[in-house]
Amino acid sequence: MNPSYRHGQSPRGAQTNIYRRWQHMIQRCQNPKDRDYPRYGARGISVCDRWRNADGTHTGFEYFIADMGLPPSPLHSIDRIDVNGDYTPMNCRWATPTEQANNRRSTKMLTVDGETKPLSVWCLQYGIGSKTVLYRLKHMGMTHTQAIKTPLTWTRKSSCK
């Protein structure tokens, strides 16, 4: 760590992107006035004590960096593996926007041949549209495996005789 930088990450008086992310993580879990509080703190999601509080030797931010390391790229952000769990070293990772999108409470998860993945991942893997899969599940009563793996069939009626 650079001793002229506070926490080794931000020059005195300035804040780095990762420092702002750490602060917002805490705010959305603890501050009822934060715009994201209803989706985090109000649901009971919290940040572990180690990442929130200084102990006289280190700050919460320093512990956060020690536990998580720096993000692999500017695109990565903090992600909770269990979306209903707290921000803790065991439940957090650095994730890309795609990984984040696939790890939302609203993400439709399907289990095909014993493996569970987001609908969007299955659709990419099998080259099938999500609307087709959802239609098959809802209106045709197919299992997840059938809805994903059943080949598309096209019947075209010819107007020529």
Foldseek 3Di string as FASTA:
>chain_A
DDVCPVLVAHHPPGDDPQRVLLVVLQCLQPPPPDPNVVQANVLPAHADPCLCQDDVPDGSVNSVCVLAPDAPDPQWHKDFCQSSYYHDSVGIHTDGPVVRVQRDPPFDWAAAPNDIGTLVVLCVVQVHDSVQLVCCVPPVVDHNNCSSPPDDDDDDDDPDD
